[in-house]
């Protein structure tokens, strides 16, 4: 499977699981739909970026670093917005987002198929 597609799929699945884990925070259960959709979207964007970096540079370090940085940045932006009560939940949002980026970057580089070169 191409690295970008693998990154998208892995990011979406991990983002969905990340969003569903919000069920364990009772204060935000009434916002589950938006949390799940937002986390899945963050996972898709992170997977796209990590998969692209894995394809572009073919380097494990670059893919993991890009996945980590994008996951961290997107999660921080979401955590900074806060919820309806004014709570921000930085640790609960930023930590899983950064770990998601690490995993997706690793998976994209390790298990993704490199692009086929013309004339090879």
C-alpha atoms as a PDB file:
ATOM      1  CA  UNK A   1       0.000   0.000   0.000  1.00  0.00           C
ATOM      2  CA  UNK A   2       1.392   3.460  -0.842  1.00  0.00           C
ATOM      3  CA  UNK A   3       2.807   5.424   2.076  1.00  0.00           C
ATOM      4  CA  UNK A   4       0.324   8.300   1.790  1.00  0.00           C
ATOM      5  CA  UNK A   5      -2.708   5.987   1.698  1.00  0.00           C
ATOM      6  CA  UNK A   6      -1.363   3.989   4.640  1.00  0.00           C
ATOM      7  CA  UNK A   7      -0.831   7.220   6.566  1.00  0.00           C
ATOM      8  CA  UNK A   8      -4.410   8.337   5.857  1.00  0.00           C
ATOM      9  CA  UNK A   9      -5.910   5.009   6.918  1.00  0.00           C
ATOM     10  CA  UNK A  10      -3.766   4.653  10.050  1.00  0.00           C
ATOM     11  CA  UNK A  11      -4.398   8.286  10.998  1.00  0.00           C
ATOM     12  CA  UNK A  12      -8.158   7.924  10.561  1.00  0.00           C
ATOM     13  CA  UNK A  13      -8.344   4.728  12.624  1.00  0.00           C
ATOM     14  CA  UNK A  14      -6.145   6.055  15.423  1.00  0.00           C
ATOM     15  CA  UNK A  15      -7.956   9.403  15.374  1.00  0.00           C
ATOM     16  CA  UNK A  16     -11.290   7.618  15.691  1.00  0.00           C
ATOM     17  CA  UNK A  17     -10.017   5.611  18.660  1.00  0.00           C
ATOM     18  CA  UNK A  18      -8.603   8.784  20.203  1.00  0.00           C
ATOM     19  CA  UNK A  19     -11.955  10.519  19.846  1.00  0.00           C
ATOM     20  CA  UNK A  20     -13.867   7.572  21.288  1.00  0.00           C
ATOM     21  CA  UNK A  21     -11.588   7.588  24.332  1.00  0.00           C
ATOM     22  CA  UNK A  22     -13.215  10.891  25.335  1.00  0.00           C
ATOM     23  CA  UNK A  23     -16.063   8.777  26.715  1.00  0.00           C
ATOM     24  CA  UNK A  24     -13.883   8.262  29.795  1.00  0.00           C
ATOM     25  CA  UNK A  25     -14.066  11.995  30.573  1.00  0.00           C
ATOM     26  CA  UNK A  26     -17.648  12.415  31.854  1.00  0.00           C
ATOM     27  CA  UNK A  27     -17.621  16.218  31.521  1.00  0.00           C
ATOM     28  CA  UNK A  28     -17.421  16.015  27.710  1.00  0.00           C
ATOM     29  CA  UNK A  29     -19.757  13.113  26.961  1.00  0.00           C
ATOM     30  CA  UNK A  30     -22.375  15.481  25.575  1.00  0.00           C
ATOM     31  CA  UNK A  31     -19.835  16.582  22.931  1.00  0.00           C
ATOM     32  CA  UNK A  32     -18.854  13.110  21.715  1.00  0.00           C
ATOM     33  CA  UNK A  33     -19.860  13.564  18.079  1.00  0.00           C
ATOM     34  CA  UNK A  34     -17.780  16.690  17.574  1.00  0.00           C
ATOM     35  CA  UNK A  35     -14.857  15.164  19.474  1.00  0.00           C
ATOM     36  CA  UNK A  36     -14.888  11.981  17.390  1.00  0.00           C
ATOM     37  CA  UNK A  37     -15.199  13.898  14.113  1.00  0.00           C
ATOM     38  CA  UNK A  38     -12.477  16.366  15.117  1.00  0.00           C
ATOM     39  CA  UNK A  39     -10.091  13.648  16.264  1.00  0.00           C
ATOM     40  CA  UNK A  40     -10.646  11.671  13.088  1.00  0.00           C
ATOM     41  CA  UNK A  41      -9.984  14.811  11.035  1.00  0.00           C
ATOM     42  CA  UNK A  42      -6.797  15.515  12.983  1.00  0.00           C
ATOM     43  CA  UNK A  43      -5.726  11.918  12.404  1.00  0.00           C
ATOM     44  CA  UNK A  44      -6.387  12.199   8.668  1.00  0.00           C
ATOM     45  CA  UNK A  45      -4.362  15.404   8.356  1.00  0.00           C
ATOM     46  CA  UNK A  46      -1.541  14.000  10.461  1.00  0.00           C
ATOM     47  CA  UNK A  47      -1.534  10.777   8.431  1.00  0.00           C
ATOM     48  CA  UNK A  48      -1.493  12.701   5.178  1.00  0.00           C
ATOM     49  CA  UNK A  49       1.471  14.800   6.300  1.00  0.00           C
ATOM     50  CA  UNK A  50       3.409  11.829   7.718  1.00  0.00           C
ATOM     51  CA  UNK A  51       2.717   9.690   4.650  1.00  0.00           C
ATOM     52  CA  UNK A  52       3.787  12.476   2.334  1.00  0.00           C
ATOM     53  CA  UNK A  53       7.001  13.024   4.309  1.00  0.00           C
ATOM     54  CA  UNK A  54       7.708   9.281   4.322  1.00  0.00           C
ATOM     55  CA  UNK A  55       7.267   9.180   0.559  1.00  0.00           C
ATOM     56  CA  UNK A  56       9.147  12.418  -0.136  1.00  0.00           C
ATOM     57  CA  UNK A  57      12.292  11.775   1.920  1.00  0.00           C
ATOM     58  CA  UNK A  58      12.193   7.997   2.548  1.00  0.00           C
ATOM     59  CA  UNK A  59      13.568   8.552   6.046  1.00  0.00           C
ATOM     60  CA  UNK A  60      12.191   7.063   9.253  1.00  0.00           C
ATOM     61  CA  UNK A  61      13.403  10.023  11.312  1.00  0.00           C
ATOM     62  CA  UNK A  62      11.757  12.574   9.020  1.00  0.00           C
ATOM     63  CA  UNK A  63       8.459  10.665   8.819  1.00  0.00           C
ATOM     64  CA  UNK A  64       8.255  10.249  12.596  1.00  0.00           C
ATOM     65  CA  UNK A  65       9.283  13.846  13.248  1.00  0.00           C
ATOM     66  CA  UNK A  66       6.759  15.256  10.757  1.00  0.00           C
ATOM     67  CA  UNK A  67       3.996  13.032  12.168  1.00  0.00           C
ATOM     68  CA  UNK A  68       4.870  14.091  15.706  1.00  0.00           C
ATOM     69  CA  UNK A  69       5.049  17.804  14.848  1.00  0.00           C
ATOM     70  CA  UNK A  70       1.783  17.875  12.879  1.00  0.00           C
ATOM     71  CA  UNK A  71      -0.060  15.784  15.484  1.00  0.00           C
ATOM     72  CA  UNK A  72       1.265  18.015  18.256  1.00  0.00           C
ATOM     73  CA  UNK A  73       0.403  21.261  16.463  1.00  0.00           C
ATOM     74  CA  UNK A  74      -3.121  20.224  15.475  1.00  0.00           C
ATOM     75  CA  UNK A  75      -3.856  18.855  18.940  1.00  0.00           C
ATOM     76  CA  UNK A  76      -2.517  21.971  20.617  1.00  0.00           C
ATOM     77  CA  UNK A  77      -4.733  24.139  18.413  1.00  0.00           C
ATOM     78  CA  UNK A  78      -7.791  22.109  19.387  1.00  0.00           C
ATOM     79  CA  UNK A  79      -6.890  22.120  23.083  1.00  0.00           C
ATOM     80  CA  UNK A  80      -6.360  25.893  23.035  1.00  0.00           C
ATOM     81  CA  UNK A  81      -9.950  26.389  21.829  1.00  0.00           C
ATOM     82  CA  UNK A  82     -11.319  24.736  24.960  1.00  0.00           C
ATOM     83  CA  UNK A  83     -14.802  23.359  25.502  1.00  0.00           C
ATOM     84  CA  UNK A  84     -18.101  25.059  26.249  1.00  0.00           C
ATOM     85  CA  UNK A  85     -17.245  25.306  29.960  1.00  0.00           C
ATOM     86  CA  UNK A  86     -13.909  27.008  29.350  1.00  0.00           C
ATOM     87  CA  UNK A  87     -11.819  23.909  30.172  1.00  0.00           C
ATOM     88  CA  UNK A  88      -8.894  23.180  27.879  1.00  0.00           C
ATOM     89  CA  UNK A  89      -7.757  19.584  28.632  1.00  0.00           C
ATOM     90  CA  UNK A  90      -4.260  20.097  27.197  1.00  0.00           C
ATOM     91  CA  UNK A  91      -2.776  16.842  28.477  1.00  0.00           C
ATOM     92  CA  UNK A  92      -5.791  14.768  27.434  1.00  0.00           C
ATOM     93  CA  UNK A  93      -5.748  16.180  23.892  1.00  0.00           C
ATOM     94  CA  UNK A  94      -2.126  17.020  23.078  1.00  0.00           C
ATOM     95  CA  UNK A  95      -0.464  13.843  24.374  1.00  0.00           C
ATOM     96  CA  UNK A  96      -2.600  11.392  22.347  1.00  0.00           C
ATOM     97  CA  UNK A  97      -2.328  13.609  19.267  1.00  0.00           C
ATOM     98  CA  UNK A  98       1.462  13.628  19.467  1.00  0.00           C
ATOM     99  CA  UNK A  99       1.603   9.858  20.028  1.00  0.00           C
ATOM    100  CA  UNK A 100      -0.775   9.357  17.086  1.00  0.00           C
ATOM    101  CA  UNK A 101       1.641  11.323  14.915  1.00  0.00           C
ATOM    102  CA  UNK A 102       4.596   9.222  16.054  1.00  0.00           C
ATOM    103  CA  UNK A 103       2.798   5.971  15.320  1.00  0.00           C
ATOM    104  CA  UNK A 104       1.460   7.085  11.947  1.00  0.00           C
ATOM    105  CA  UNK A 105       4.861   8.408  10.866  1.00  0.00           C
ATOM    106  CA  UNK A 106       6.504   5.133  11.856  1.00  0.00           C
ATOM    107  CA  UNK A 107       3.850   2.977  10.178  1.00  0.00           C
ATOM    108  CA  UNK A 108       3.912   5.013   6.966  1.00  0.00           C
ATOM    109  CA  UNK A 109       7.664   4.669   6.593  1.00  0.00           C
ATOM    110  CA  UNK A 110       8.017   1.097   7.836  1.00  0.00           C
ATOM    111  CA  UNK A 111       5.036  -0.568   6.167  1.00  0.00           C
ATOM    112  CA  UNK A 112       4.235   1.727   3.249  1.00  0.00           C
ATOM    113  CA  UNK A 113       5.268   0.827  -0.268  1.00  0.00           C
ATOM    114  CA  UNK A 114       7.786   3.214  -1.837  1.00  0.00           C
ATOM    115  CA  UNK A 115       6.724   4.933  -5.067  1.00  0.00           C
ATOM    116  CA  UNK A 116       7.504   3.154  -8.330  1.00  0.00           C
ATOM    117  CA  UNK A 117      10.111   5.047 -10.332  1.00  0.00           C
ATOM    118  CA  UNK A 118       9.705   5.422 -14.084  1.00  0.00           C
ATOM    119  CA  UNK A 119      12.210   3.383 -16.062  1.00  0.00           C
ATOM    120  CA  UNK A 120      13.095   1.148 -13.130  1.00  0.00           C
END
